[in-house]
Structures are given as C-alpha cells and as structure tokens.
C-alpha cells in the first residue's frame, strides 16, 4: 500500500502535537466534504460546483501529501478552467482511488493519535 499522507509540511506549520491533531481533524473533514461535493458536481454536470470544490481541495491537500500528488490536484484545478468538463471529470475519476486511500490514511493517523 502506498502512503499518500505526508505530514512534513503540516508538522512545520503546527507548533505542537495538539495543533497537528487539529489540522488533521480539519483536513479529514474537508477532504471528505470536498470528495462528496465533487462526486455530486460530476454526477450532476455542475462545472461551477466542481471547480469550486477542486479549488478548495488544491488549497489544503498539498499540506498533507507529497509534492507530486499535491501537484496533480493543483494541475487538475488549473486545467479544469480551460478544458472540457468531461475531461476534468475523467481526470478526477482516475484520482478517486488515491483520494479515498488518502482519506483512509488520515483516519488511521487520527485513530493512532
């Protein structure tokens, strides 16, 4: 199993373990929420809602992942504004397993704290 969760940047941001825990709690909630929003947006063909959720995701996800996965999300958002909706939907769909794995890893980390 690949480890997508990388707390290097989050640890640099947090001053103490309690702050890191709070960051992880917030990240878990936000990631779960944005995944639901994206699923709904792509199912219902709502380009604006999808772009909004991708914008939120690219804003916070890179703090909790390695640079390469964070870059995928940043690029997906940037490209979503210029490419056809179906292309963005297809690209997002390929990332869903990794995003779900990341969410699972965040939840495991929270349970371990």
PDB file of N, CA and C in Angstrom:
ATOM      1  N   UNK A   1       0.842  -1.181   0.000  1.00  0.00           N
ATOM      2  CA  UNK A   1       0.000   0.000   0.000  1.00  0.00           C
ATOM      3  C   UNK A   1       0.887   1.244   0.000  1.00  0.00           C
ATOM      4  N   UNK A   2       0.554   2.152  -0.859  1.00  0.00           N
ATOM      5  CA  UNK A   2       1.304   3.400  -0.977  1.00  0.00           C
ATOM      6  C   UNK A   2       0.855   4.381   0.105  1.00  0.00           C
ATOM      7  N   UNK A   3       1.811   5.058   0.692  1.00  0.00           N
ATOM      8  CA  UNK A   3       1.481   6.054   1.701  1.00  0.00           C
ATOM      9  C   UNK A   3       1.399   7.419   1.024  1.00  0.00           C
ATOM     10  N   UNK A   4       0.194   7.943   0.925  1.00  0.00           N
ATOM     11  CA  UNK A   4      -0.012   9.252   0.323  1.00  0.00           C
ATOM     12  C   UNK A   4       0.082  10.361   1.360  1.00  0.00           C
ATOM     13  N   UNK A   5      -0.289  10.034   2.589  1.00  0.00           N
ATOM     14  CA  UNK A   5      -0.260  11.025   3.662  1.00  0.00           C
ATOM     15  C   UNK A   5       1.190  11.343   4.024  1.00  0.00           C
ATOM     16  N   UNK A   6       1.538  12.609   3.940  1.00  0.00           N
ATOM     17  CA  UNK A   6       2.878  13.082   4.282  1.00  0.00           C
ATOM     18  C   UNK A   6       2.693  14.320   5.162  1.00  0.00           C
ATOM     19  N   UNK A   7       3.063  14.200   6.408  1.00  0.00           N
ATOM     20  CA  UNK A   7       2.825  15.273   7.376  1.00  0.00           C
ATOM     21  C   UNK A   7       4.006  16.223   7.526  1.00  0.00           C
ATOM     22  N   UNK A   8       4.973  16.152   6.634  1.00  0.00           N
ATOM     23  CA  UNK A   8       6.154  17.007   6.739  1.00  0.00           C
ATOM     24  C   UNK A   8       5.786  18.481   6.817  1.00  0.00           C
ATOM     25  N   UNK A   9       5.004  18.953   5.845  1.00  0.00           N
ATOM     26  CA  UNK A   9       4.631  20.376   5.832  1.00  0.00           C
ATOM     27  C   UNK A   9       3.663  20.712   6.970  1.00  0.00           C
ATOM     28  N   UNK A  10       2.771  19.803   7.288  1.00  0.00           N
ATOM     29  CA  UNK A  10       1.837  20.043   8.395  1.00  0.00           C
ATOM     30  C   UNK A  10       2.597  20.154   9.716  1.00  0.00           C
ATOM     31  N   UNK A  11       3.616  19.323   9.892  1.00  0.00           N
ATOM     32  CA  UNK A  11       4.436  19.398  11.107  1.00  0.00           C
ATOM     33  C   UNK A  11       5.191  20.719  11.188  1.00  0.00           C
ATOM     34  N   UNK A  12       5.635  21.221  10.039  1.00  0.00           N
ATOM     35  CA  UNK A  12       6.330  22.507  10.024  1.00  0.00           C
ATOM     36  C   UNK A  12       5.383  23.645  10.403  1.00  0.00           C
ATOM     37  N   UNK A  13       4.130  23.514   9.996  1.00  0.00           N
ATOM     38  CA  UNK A  13       3.126  24.537  10.266  1.00  0.00           C
ATOM     39  C   UNK A  13       2.658  24.492  11.720  1.00  0.00           C
ATOM     40  N   UNK A  14       2.431  23.290  12.233  1.00  0.00           N
ATOM     41  CA  UNK A  14       1.934  23.120  13.604  1.00  0.00           C
ATOM     42  C   UNK A  14       3.063  23.355  14.598  1.00  0.00           C
ATOM     43  N   UNK A  15       2.753  24.037  15.665  1.00  0.00           N
ATOM     44  CA  UNK A  15       3.759  24.317  16.686  1.00  0.00           C
ATOM     45  C   UNK A  15       3.870  23.190  17.714  1.00  0.00           C
ATOM     46  N   UNK A  16       2.816  22.402  17.856  1.00  0.00           N
ATOM     47  CA  UNK A  16       2.818  21.323  18.842  1.00  0.00           C
ATOM     48  C   UNK A  16       1.894  20.213  18.366  1.00  0.00           C
ATOM     49  N   UNK A  17       1.937  19.084  19.052  1.00  0.00           N
ATOM     50  CA  UNK A  17       1.182  17.911  18.606  1.00  0.00           C
ATOM     51  C   UNK A  17      -0.326  18.156  18.613  1.00  0.00           C
ATOM     52  N   UNK A  18      -0.823  18.947  19.552  1.00  0.00           N
ATOM     53  CA  UNK A  18      -2.261  19.233  19.584  1.00  0.00           C
ATOM     54  C   UNK A  18      -2.684  20.018  18.346  1.00  0.00           C
ATOM     55  N   UNK A  19      -1.847  20.936  17.902  1.00  0.00           N
ATOM     56  CA  UNK A  19      -2.155  21.682  16.683  1.00  0.00           C
ATOM     57  C   UNK A  19      -2.156  20.754  15.466  1.00  0.00           C
ATOM     58  N   UNK A  20      -1.215  19.833  15.429  1.00  0.00           N
ATOM     59  CA  UNK A  20      -1.165  18.873  14.334  1.00  0.00           C
ATOM     60  C   UNK A  20      -2.440  18.028  14.332  1.00  0.00           C
ATOM     61  N   UNK A  21      -2.858  17.600  15.504  1.00  0.00           N
ATOM     62  CA  UNK A  21      -4.090  16.819  15.606  1.00  0.00           C
ATOM     63  C   UNK A  21      -5.280  17.619  15.072  1.00  0.00           C
ATOM     64  N   UNK A  22      -5.367  18.884  15.456  1.00  0.00           N
ATOM     65  CA  UNK A  22      -6.464  19.730  14.984  1.00  0.00           C
ATOM     66  C   UNK A  22      -6.405  19.915  13.467  1.00  0.00           C
ATOM     67  N   UNK A  23      -5.199  20.098  12.939  1.00  0.00           N
ATOM     68  CA  UNK A  23      -5.040  20.206  11.482  1.00  0.00           C
ATOM     69  C   UNK A  23      -5.538  18.937  10.784  1.00  0.00           C
ATOM     70  N   UNK A  24      -5.193  17.789  11.338  1.00  0.00           N
ATOM     71  CA  UNK A  24      -5.621  16.516  10.751  1.00  0.00           C
ATOM     72  C   UNK A  24      -7.135  16.347  10.826  1.00  0.00           C
ATOM     73  N   UNK A  25      -7.729  16.745  11.944  1.00  0.00           N
ATOM     74  CA  UNK A  25      -9.190  16.673  12.086  1.00  0.00           C
ATOM     75  C   UNK A  25      -9.850  17.546  11.020  1.00  0.00           C
ATOM     76  N   UNK A  26      -9.352  18.752  10.870  1.00  0.00           N
ATOM     77  CA  UNK A  26      -9.901  19.674   9.873  1.00  0.00           C
ATOM     78  C   UNK A  26      -9.695  19.124   8.464  1.00  0.00           C
ATOM     79  N   UNK A  27      -8.512  18.584   8.204  1.00  0.00           N
ATOM     80  CA  UNK A  27      -8.225  18.018   6.892  1.00  0.00           C
ATOM     81  C   UNK A  27      -9.154  16.846   6.586  1.00  0.00           C
ATOM     82  N   UNK A  28      -9.335  15.974   7.548  1.00  0.00           N
ATOM     83  CA  UNK A  28     -10.217  14.809   7.345  1.00  0.00           C
ATOM     84  C   UNK A  28     -11.622  15.270   6.977  1.00  0.00           C
ATOM     85  N   UNK A  29     -12.136  16.224   7.720  1.00  0.00           N
ATOM     86  CA  UNK A  29     -13.485  16.732   7.454  1.00  0.00           C
ATOM     87  C   UNK A  29     -13.560  17.393   6.077  1.00  0.00           C
ATOM     88  N   UNK A  30     -12.594  18.240   5.767  1.00  0.00           N
ATOM     89  CA  UNK A  30     -12.591  18.970   4.498  1.00  0.00           C
ATOM     90  C   UNK A  30     -12.436  18.027   3.309  1.00  0.00           C
ATOM     91  N   UNK A  31     -11.532  17.073   3.421  1.00  0.00           N
ATOM     92  CA  UNK A  31     -11.318  16.126   2.330  1.00  0.00           C
ATOM     93  C   UNK A  31     -12.583  15.309   2.083  1.00  0.00           C
ATOM     94  N   UNK A  32     -13.182  14.799   3.134  1.00  0.00           N
ATOM     95  CA  UNK A  32     -14.413  14.020   2.986  1.00  0.00           C
ATOM     96  C   UNK A  32     -15.506  14.871   2.346  1.00  0.00           C
ATOM     97  N   UNK A  33     -15.650  16.107   2.801  1.00  0.00           N
ATOM     98  CA  UNK A  33     -16.677  17.005   2.274  1.00  0.00           C
ATOM     99  C   UNK A  33     -16.451  17.335   0.803  1.00  0.00           C
ATOM    100  N   UNK A  34     -15.235  17.673   0.443  1.00  0.00           N
ATOM    101  CA  UNK A  34     -14.956  18.039  -0.950  1.00  0.00           C
ATOM    102  C   UNK A  34     -15.099  16.837  -1.880  1.00  0.00           C
ATOM    103  N   UNK A  35     -14.771  15.645  -1.411  1.00  0.00           N
ATOM    104  CA  UNK A  35     -14.973  14.457  -2.241  1.00  0.00           C
ATOM    105  C   UNK A  35     -16.456  14.251  -2.528  1.00  0.00           C
ATOM    106  N   UNK A  36     -17.302  14.455  -1.521  1.00  0.00           N
ATOM    107  CA  UNK A  36     -18.750  14.364  -1.736  1.00  0.00           C
ATOM    108  C   UNK A  36     -19.233  15.438  -2.702  1.00  0.00           C
ATOM    109  N   UNK A  37     -18.726  16.659  -2.535  1.00  0.00           N
ATOM    110  CA  UNK A  37     -19.104  17.762  -3.412  1.00  0.00           C
ATOM    111  C   UNK A  37     -18.701  17.468  -4.859  1.00  0.00           C
ATOM    112  N   UNK A  38     -17.502  16.939  -5.036  1.00  0.00           N
ATOM    113  CA  UNK A  38     -17.030  16.638  -6.388  1.00  0.00           C
ATOM    114  C   UNK A  38     -17.829  15.511  -7.023  1.00  0.00           C
ATOM    115  N   UNK A  39     -18.113  14.490  -6.254  1.00  0.00           N
ATOM    116  CA  UNK A  39     -18.926  13.394  -6.782  1.00  0.00           C
ATOM    117  C   UNK A  39     -20.287  13.915  -7.242  1.00  0.00           C
ATOM    118  N   UNK A  40     -20.908  14.741  -6.424  1.00  0.00           N
ATOM    119  CA  UNK A  40     -22.199  15.330  -6.770  1.00  0.00           C
ATOM    120  C   UNK A  40     -22.082  16.232  -8.000  1.00  0.00           C
ATOM    121  N   UNK A  41     -21.066  17.071  -8.032  1.00  0.00           N
ATOM    122  CA  UNK A  41     -20.884  18.001  -9.150  1.00  0.00           C
ATOM    123  C   UNK A  41     -20.690  17.252 -10.463  1.00  0.00           C
ATOM    124  N   UNK A  42     -19.866  16.225 -10.457  1.00  0.00           N
ATOM    125  CA  UNK A  42     -19.615  15.487 -11.690  1.00  0.00           C
ATOM    126  C   UNK A  42     -20.825  14.648 -12.096  1.00  0.00           C
ATOM    127  N   UNK A  43     -21.539  14.103 -11.114  1.00  0.00           N
ATOM    128  CA  UNK A  43     -22.753  13.338 -11.415  1.00  0.00           C
ATOM    129  C   UNK A  43     -23.820  14.222 -12.036  1.00  0.00           C
ATOM    130  N   UNK A  44     -23.933  15.441 -11.534  1.00  0.00           N
ATOM    131  CA  UNK A  44     -24.982  16.355 -11.983  1.00  0.00           C
ATOM    132  C   UNK A  44     -24.541  17.326 -13.076  1.00  0.00           C
ATOM    133  N   UNK A  45     -23.294  17.207 -13.536  1.00  0.00           N
ATOM    134  CA  UNK A  45     -22.817  18.065 -14.609  1.00  0.00           C
ATOM    135  C   UNK A  45     -22.666  19.528 -14.219  1.00  0.00           C
ATOM    136  N   UNK A  46     -22.340  19.773 -12.953  1.00  0.00           N
ATOM    137  CA  UNK A  46     -22.235  21.144 -12.449  1.00  0.00           C
ATOM    138  C   UNK A  46     -20.767  21.582 -12.457  1.00  0.00           C
ATOM    139  N   UNK A  47     -20.367  22.209 -13.554  1.00  0.00           N
ATOM    140  CA  UNK A  47     -18.960  22.628 -13.732  1.00  0.00           C
ATOM    141  C   UNK A  47     -18.527  23.626 -12.662  1.00  0.00           C
ATOM    142  N   UNK A  48     -19.370  24.599 -12.343  1.00  0.00           N
ATOM    143  CA  UNK A  48     -19.006  25.608 -11.353  1.00  0.00           C
ATOM    144  C   UNK A  48     -18.792  24.989  -9.974  1.00  0.00           C
ATOM    145  N   UNK A  49     -19.664  24.089  -9.591  1.00  0.00           N
ATOM    146  CA  UNK A  49     -19.529  23.410  -8.296  1.00  0.00           C
ATOM    147  C   UNK A  49     -18.255  22.558  -8.261  1.00  0.00           C
ATOM    148  N   UNK A  50     -17.951  21.897  -9.374  1.00  0.00           N
ATOM    149  CA  UNK A  50     -16.735  21.078  -9.450  1.00  0.00           C
ATOM    150  C   UNK A  50     -15.490  21.953  -9.325  1.00  0.00           C
ATOM    151  N   UNK A  51     -15.478  23.069 -10.037  1.00  0.00           N
ATOM    152  CA  UNK A  51     -14.320  23.972  -9.958  1.00  0.00           C
ATOM    153  C   UNK A  51     -14.156  24.527  -8.547  1.00  0.00           C
ATOM    154  N   UNK A  52     -15.248  24.850  -7.895  1.00  0.00           N
ATOM    155  CA  UNK A  52     -15.188  25.379  -6.531  1.00  0.00           C
ATOM    156  C   UNK A  52     -14.591  24.338  -5.582  1.00  0.00           C
ATOM    157  N   UNK A  53     -15.053  23.099  -5.694  1.00  0.00           N
ATOM    158  CA  UNK A  53     -14.541  22.032  -4.828  1.00  0.00           C
ATOM    159  C   UNK A  53     -13.084  21.710  -5.141  1.00  0.00           C
ATOM    160  N   UNK A  54     -12.719  21.718  -6.418  1.00  0.00           N
ATOM    161  CA  UNK A  54     -11.313  21.487  -6.786  1.00  0.00           C
ATOM    162  C   UNK A  54     -10.423  22.612  -6.263  1.00  0.00           C
ATOM    163  N   UNK A  55     -10.934  23.830  -6.297  1.00  0.00           N
ATOM    164  CA  UNK A  55     -10.179  24.974  -5.763  1.00  0.00           C
ATOM    165  C   UNK A  55      -9.914  24.777  -4.273  1.00  0.00           C
ATOM    166  N   UNK A  56     -10.939  24.368  -3.544  1.00  0.00           N
ATOM    167  CA  UNK A  56     -10.761  24.124  -2.111  1.00  0.00           C
ATOM    168  C   UNK A  56      -9.757  22.992  -1.878  1.00  0.00           C
ATOM    169  N   UNK A  57      -9.897  21.922  -2.638  1.00  0.00           N
ATOM    170  CA  UNK A  57      -9.016  20.767  -2.487  1.00  0.00           C
ATOM    171  C   UNK A  57      -7.560  21.131  -2.752  1.00  0.00           C
ATOM    172  N   UNK A  58      -7.314  21.894  -3.807  1.00  0.00           N
ATOM    173  CA  UNK A  58      -5.923  22.262  -4.132  1.00  0.00           C
ATOM    174  C   UNK A  58      -5.362  23.236  -3.108  1.00  0.00           C
ATOM    175  N   UNK A  59      -6.234  23.890  -2.365  1.00  0.00           N
ATOM    176  CA  UNK A  59      -5.772  24.832  -1.354  1.00  0.00           C
ATOM    177  C   UNK A  59      -5.227  24.172  -0.107  1.00  0.00           C
ATOM    178  N   UNK A  60      -5.814  23.032   0.292  1.00  0.00           N
ATOM    179  CA  UNK A  60      -5.374  22.422   1.556  1.00  0.00           C
ATOM    180  C   UNK A  60      -4.690  21.072   1.395  1.00  0.00           C
ATOM    181  N   UNK A  61      -4.979  20.342   0.346  1.00  0.00           N
ATOM    182  CA  UNK A  61      -4.425  18.995   0.209  1.00  0.00           C
ATOM    183  C   UNK A  61      -2.901  18.952   0.148  1.00  0.00           C
ATOM    184  N   UNK A  62      -2.233  19.874  -0.561  1.00  0.00           N
ATOM    185  CA  UNK A  62      -0.765  19.780  -0.656  1.00  0.00           C
ATOM    186  C   UNK A  62      -0.028  19.849   0.691  1.00  0.00           C
ATOM    187  N   UNK A  63      -0.667  20.389   1.728  1.00  0.00           N
ATOM    188  CA  UNK A  63      -0.007  20.437   3.033  1.00  0.00           C
ATOM    189  C   UNK A  63       0.103  19.039   3.655  1.00  0.00           C
ATOM    190  N   UNK A  64      -0.688  18.094   3.163  1.00  0.00           N
ATOM    191  CA  UNK A  64      -0.768  16.776   3.781  1.00  0.00           C
ATOM    192  C   UNK A  64      -0.329  15.636   2.865  1.00  0.00           C
ATOM    193  N   UNK A  65       0.244  15.974   1.719  1.00  0.00           N
ATOM    194  CA  UNK A  65       0.687  14.941   0.783  1.00  0.00           C
ATOM    195  C   UNK A  65       2.079  15.275   0.271  1.00  0.00           C
ATOM    196  N   UNK A  66       2.659  14.313  -0.397  1.00  0.00           N
ATOM    197  CA  UNK A  66       3.924  14.572  -1.063  1.00  0.00           C
ATOM    198  C   UNK A  66       3.712  15.557  -2.196  1.00  0.00           C
ATOM    199  N   UNK A  67       4.786  16.144  -2.627  1.00  0.00           N
ATOM    200  CA  UNK A  67       4.701  17.196  -3.647  1.00  0.00           C
ATOM    201  C   UNK A  67       4.084  16.702  -4.954  1.00  0.00           C
ATOM    202  N   UNK A  68       4.393  15.481  -5.378  1.00  0.00           N
ATOM    203  CA  UNK A  68       3.895  15.011  -6.674  1.00  0.00           C
ATOM    204  C   UNK A  68       2.376  14.845  -6.674  1.00  0.00           C
ATOM    205  N   UNK A  69       1.807  14.309  -5.597  1.00  0.00           N
ATOM    206  CA  UNK A  69       0.356  14.151  -5.556  1.00  0.00           C
ATOM    207  C   UNK A  69      -0.321  15.511  -5.394  1.00  0.00           C
ATOM    208  N   UNK A  70       0.242  16.362  -4.591  1.00  0.00           N
ATOM    209  CA  UNK A  70      -0.290  17.715  -4.447  1.00  0.00           C
ATOM    210  C   UNK A  70      -0.305  18.444  -5.771  1.00  0.00           C
ATOM    211  N   UNK A  71       0.739  18.262  -6.563  1.00  0.00           N
ATOM    212  CA  UNK A  71       0.837  18.904  -7.882  1.00  0.00           C
ATOM    213  C   UNK A  71      -0.265  18.393  -8.811  1.00  0.00           C
ATOM    214  N   UNK A  72      -0.609  17.108  -8.723  1.00  0.00           N
ATOM    215  CA  UNK A  72      -1.693  16.565  -9.551  1.00  0.00           C
ATOM    216  C   UNK A  72      -3.005  17.296  -9.290  1.00  0.00           C
ATOM    217  N   UNK A  73      -3.281  17.576  -8.037  1.00  0.00           N
ATOM    218  CA  UNK A  73      -4.519  18.255  -7.665  1.00  0.00           C
ATOM    219  C   UNK A  73      -4.480  19.720  -8.115  1.00  0.00           C
ATOM    220  N   UNK A  74      -3.353  20.367  -7.912  1.00  0.00           N
ATOM    221  CA  UNK A  74      -3.202  21.764  -8.343  1.00  0.00           C
ATOM    222  C   UNK A  74      -3.389  21.858  -9.859  1.00  0.00           C
ATOM    223  N   UNK A  75      -2.765  20.945 -10.598  1.00  0.00           N
ATOM    224  CA  UNK A  75      -2.879  20.953 -12.058  1.00  0.00           C
ATOM    225  C   UNK A  75      -4.302  20.633 -12.509  1.00  0.00           C
ATOM    226  N   UNK A  76      -4.953  19.704 -11.825  1.00  0.00           N
ATOM    227  CA  UNK A  76      -6.330  19.366 -12.177  1.00  0.00           C
ATOM    228  C   UNK A  76      -7.222  20.592 -12.053  1.00  0.00           C
ATOM    229  N   UNK A  77      -7.063  21.319 -10.969  1.00  0.00           N
ATOM    230  CA  UNK A  77      -7.859  22.536 -10.797  1.00  0.00           C
ATOM    231  C   UNK A  77      -7.531  23.553 -11.899  1.00  0.00           C
ATOM    232  N   UNK A  78      -6.262  23.801 -12.131  1.00  0.00           N
ATOM    233  CA  UNK A  78      -5.866  24.794 -13.133  1.00  0.00           C
ATOM    234  C   UNK A  78      -6.402  24.418 -14.520  1.00  0.00           C
ATOM    235  N   UNK A  79      -6.298  23.151 -14.860  1.00  0.00           N
ATOM    236  CA  UNK A  79      -6.758  22.698 -16.172  1.00  0.00           C
ATOM    237  C   UNK A  79      -8.278  22.693 -16.279  1.00  0.00           C
ATOM    238  N   UNK A  80      -8.957  22.513 -15.158  1.00  0.00           N
ATOM    239  CA  UNK A  80     -10.423  22.429 -15.185  1.00  0.00           C
ATOM    240  C   UNK A  80     -11.051  23.705 -15.714  1.00  0.00           C
ATOM    241  N   UNK A  81     -10.349  24.790 -15.609  1.00  0.00           N
ATOM    242  CA  UNK A  81     -10.889  26.077 -16.032  1.00  0.00           C
ATOM    243  C   UNK A  81     -10.763  26.304 -17.536  1.00  0.00           C
ATOM    244  N   UNK A  82      -9.924  25.485 -18.213  1.00  0.00           N
ATOM    245  CA  UNK A  82      -9.708  25.669 -19.651  1.00  0.00           C
ATOM    246  C   UNK A  82     -10.153  24.484 -20.502  1.00  0.00           C
ATOM    247  N   UNK A  83     -10.369  23.351 -19.888  1.00  0.00           N
ATOM    248  CA  UNK A  83     -10.662  22.155 -20.679  1.00  0.00           C
ATOM    249  C   UNK A  83     -12.135  21.765 -20.546  1.00  0.00           C
ATOM    250  N   UNK A  84     -12.609  20.911 -21.440  1.00  0.00           N
ATOM    251  CA  UNK A  84     -13.999  20.460 -21.343  1.00  0.00           C
ATOM    252  C   UNK A  84     -14.273  19.758 -20.009  1.00  0.00           C
ATOM    253  N   UNK A  85     -15.478  19.935 -19.518  1.00  0.00           N
ATOM    254  CA  UNK A  85     -15.911  19.366 -18.235  1.00  0.00           C
ATOM    255  C   UNK A  85     -15.694  17.855 -18.195  1.00  0.00           C
ATOM    256  N   UNK A  86     -15.987  17.171 -19.293  1.00  0.00           N
ATOM    257  CA  UNK A  86     -15.851  15.708 -19.326  1.00  0.00           C
ATOM    258  C   UNK A  86     -14.393  15.271 -19.169  1.00  0.00           C
ATOM    259  N   UNK A  87     -13.463  16.076 -19.643  1.00  0.00           N
ATOM    260  CA  UNK A  87     -12.039  15.757 -19.490  1.00  0.00           C
ATOM    261  C   UNK A  87     -11.660  15.876 -18.011  1.00  0.00           C
ATOM    262  N   UNK A  88     -12.102  16.944 -17.373  1.00  0.00           N
ATOM    263  CA  UNK A  88     -11.837  17.118 -15.943  1.00  0.00           C
ATOM    264  C   UNK A  88     -12.459  15.977 -15.154  1.00  0.00           C
ATOM    265  N   UNK A  89     -13.683  15.626 -15.497  1.00  0.00           N
ATOM    266  CA  UNK A  89     -14.377  14.525 -14.807  1.00  0.00           C
ATOM    267  C   UNK A  89     -13.571  13.234 -14.926  1.00  0.00           C
ATOM    268  N   UNK A  90     -13.090  12.944 -16.124  1.00  0.00           N
ATOM    269  CA  UNK A  90     -12.308  11.729 -16.361  1.00  0.00           C
ATOM    270  C   UNK A  90     -11.004  11.754 -15.557  1.00  0.00           C
ATOM    271  N   UNK A  91     -10.328  12.890 -15.558  1.00  0.00           N
ATOM    272  CA  UNK A  91      -9.070  13.011 -14.806  1.00  0.00           C
ATOM    273  C   UNK A  91      -9.320  12.868 -13.311  1.00  0.00           C
ATOM    274  N   UNK A  92     -10.392  13.480 -12.825  1.00  0.00           N
ATOM    275  CA  UNK A  92     -10.725  13.360 -11.411  1.00  0.00           C
ATOM    276  C   UNK A  92     -11.017  11.901 -11.058  1.00  0.00           C
ATOM    277  N   UNK A  93     -11.780  11.228 -11.912  1.00  0.00           N
ATOM    278  CA  UNK A  93     -12.157   9.832 -11.659  1.00  0.00           C
ATOM    279  C   UNK A  93     -10.929   8.953 -11.483  1.00  0.00           C
ATOM    280  N   UNK A  94      -9.869   9.240 -12.241  1.00  0.00           N
ATOM    281  CA  UNK A  94      -8.649   8.433 -12.097  1.00  0.00           C
ATOM    282  C   UNK A  94      -7.956   8.687 -10.762  1.00  0.00           C
ATOM    283  N   UNK A  95      -8.207   9.856 -10.151  1.00  0.00           N
ATOM    284  CA  UNK A  95      -7.579  10.188  -8.867  1.00  0.00           C
ATOM    285  C   UNK A  95      -8.392   9.719  -7.660  1.00  0.00           C
ATOM    286  N   UNK A  96      -9.653   9.366  -7.866  1.00  0.00           N
ATOM    287  CA  UNK A  96     -10.532   8.999  -6.748  1.00  0.00           C
ATOM    288  C   UNK A  96      -9.953   7.879  -5.876  1.00  0.00           C
ATOM    289  N   UNK A  97      -9.441   6.778  -6.443  1.00  0.00           N
ATOM    290  CA  UNK A  97      -8.889   5.739  -5.559  1.00  0.00           C
ATOM    291  C   UNK A  97      -7.781   6.274  -4.637  1.00  0.00           C
ATOM    292  N   UNK A  98      -6.922   7.126  -5.163  1.00  0.00           N
ATOM    293  CA  UNK A  98      -5.854   7.694  -4.332  1.00  0.00           C
ATOM    294  C   UNK A  98      -6.413   8.666  -3.295  1.00  0.00           C
ATOM    295  N   UNK A  99      -7.418   9.434  -3.660  1.00  0.00           N
ATOM    296  CA  UNK A  99      -8.030  10.355  -2.703  1.00  0.00           C
ATOM    297  C   UNK A  99      -8.737   9.590  -1.588  1.00  0.00           C
ATOM    298  N   UNK A 100      -9.384   8.498  -1.936  1.00  0.00           N
ATOM    299  CA  UNK A 100     -10.027   7.657  -0.918  1.00  0.00           C
ATOM    300  C   UNK A 100      -8.990   6.988  -0.033  1.00  0.00           C
ATOM    301  N   UNK A 101      -7.882   6.558  -0.628  1.00  0.00           N
ATOM    302  CA  UNK A 101      -6.795   5.976   0.157  1.00  0.00           C
ATOM    303  C   UNK A 101      -6.214   7.024   1.106  1.00  0.00           C
ATOM    304  N   UNK A 102      -6.024   8.228   0.626  1.00  0.00           N
ATOM    305  CA  UNK A 102      -5.522   9.312   1.467  1.00  0.00           C
ATOM    306  C   UNK A 102      -6.469   9.555   2.637  1.00  0.00           C
ATOM    307  N   UNK A 103      -7.757   9.593   2.370  1.00  0.00           N
ATOM    308  CA  UNK A 103      -8.739   9.793   3.440  1.00  0.00           C
ATOM    309  C   UNK A 103      -8.643   8.665   4.466  1.00  0.00           C
ATOM    310  N   UNK A 104      -8.490   7.459   4.004  1.00  0.00           N
ATOM    311  CA  UNK A 104      -8.330   6.309   4.905  1.00  0.00           C
ATOM    312  C   UNK A 104      -7.064   6.443   5.751  1.00  0.00           C
ATOM    313  N   UNK A 105      -5.974   6.908   5.135  1.00  0.00           N
ATOM    314  CA  UNK A 105      -4.724   7.075   5.869  1.00  0.00           C
ATOM    315  C   UNK A 105      -4.835   8.190   6.906  1.00  0.00           C
ATOM    316  N   UNK A 106      -5.565   9.244   6.587  1.00  0.00           N
ATOM    317  CA  UNK A 106      -5.781  10.321   7.552  1.00  0.00           C
ATOM    318  C   UNK A 106      -6.571   9.785   8.740  1.00  0.00           C
ATOM    319  N   UNK A 107      -7.605   9.029   8.460  1.00  0.00           N
ATOM    320  CA  UNK A 107      -8.432   8.463   9.547  1.00  0.00           C
ATOM    321  C   UNK A 107      -7.620   7.506  10.408  1.00  0.00           C
ATOM    322  N   UNK A 108      -6.763   6.717   9.791  1.00  0.00           N
ATOM    323  CA  UNK A 108      -5.892   5.805  10.554  1.00  0.00           C
ATOM    324  C   UNK A 108      -4.939   6.586  11.434  1.00  0.00           C
ATOM    325  N   UNK A 109      -4.383   7.668  10.911  1.00  0.00           N
ATOM    326  CA  UNK A 109      -3.479   8.507  11.697  1.00  0.00           C
ATOM    327  C   UNK A 109      -4.197   9.120  12.880  1.00  0.00           C
ATOM    328  N   UNK A 110      -5.407   9.588  12.653  1.00  0.00           N
ATOM    329  CA  UNK A 110      -6.185  10.177  13.743  1.00  0.00           C
ATOM    330  C   UNK A 110      -6.484   9.152  14.826  1.00  0.00           C
ATOM    331  N   UNK A 111      -6.805   7.939  14.407  1.00  0.00           N
ATOM    332  CA  UNK A 111      -7.087   6.874  15.387  1.00  0.00           C
ATOM    333  C   UNK A 111      -5.845   6.511  16.190  1.00  0.00           C
ATOM    334  N   UNK A 112      -4.671   6.676  15.586  1.00  0.00           N
ATOM    335  CA  UNK A 112      -3.418   6.322  16.248  1.00  0.00           C
ATOM    336  C   UNK A 112      -2.956   7.404  17.232  1.00  0.00           C
ATOM    337  N   UNK A 113      -3.473   8.619  17.063  1.00  0.00           N
ATOM    338  CA  UNK A 113      -3.040   9.731  17.934  1.00  0.00           C
ATOM    339  C   UNK A 113      -3.725   9.685  19.281  1.00  0.00           C
TER     340      UNK A 113
END
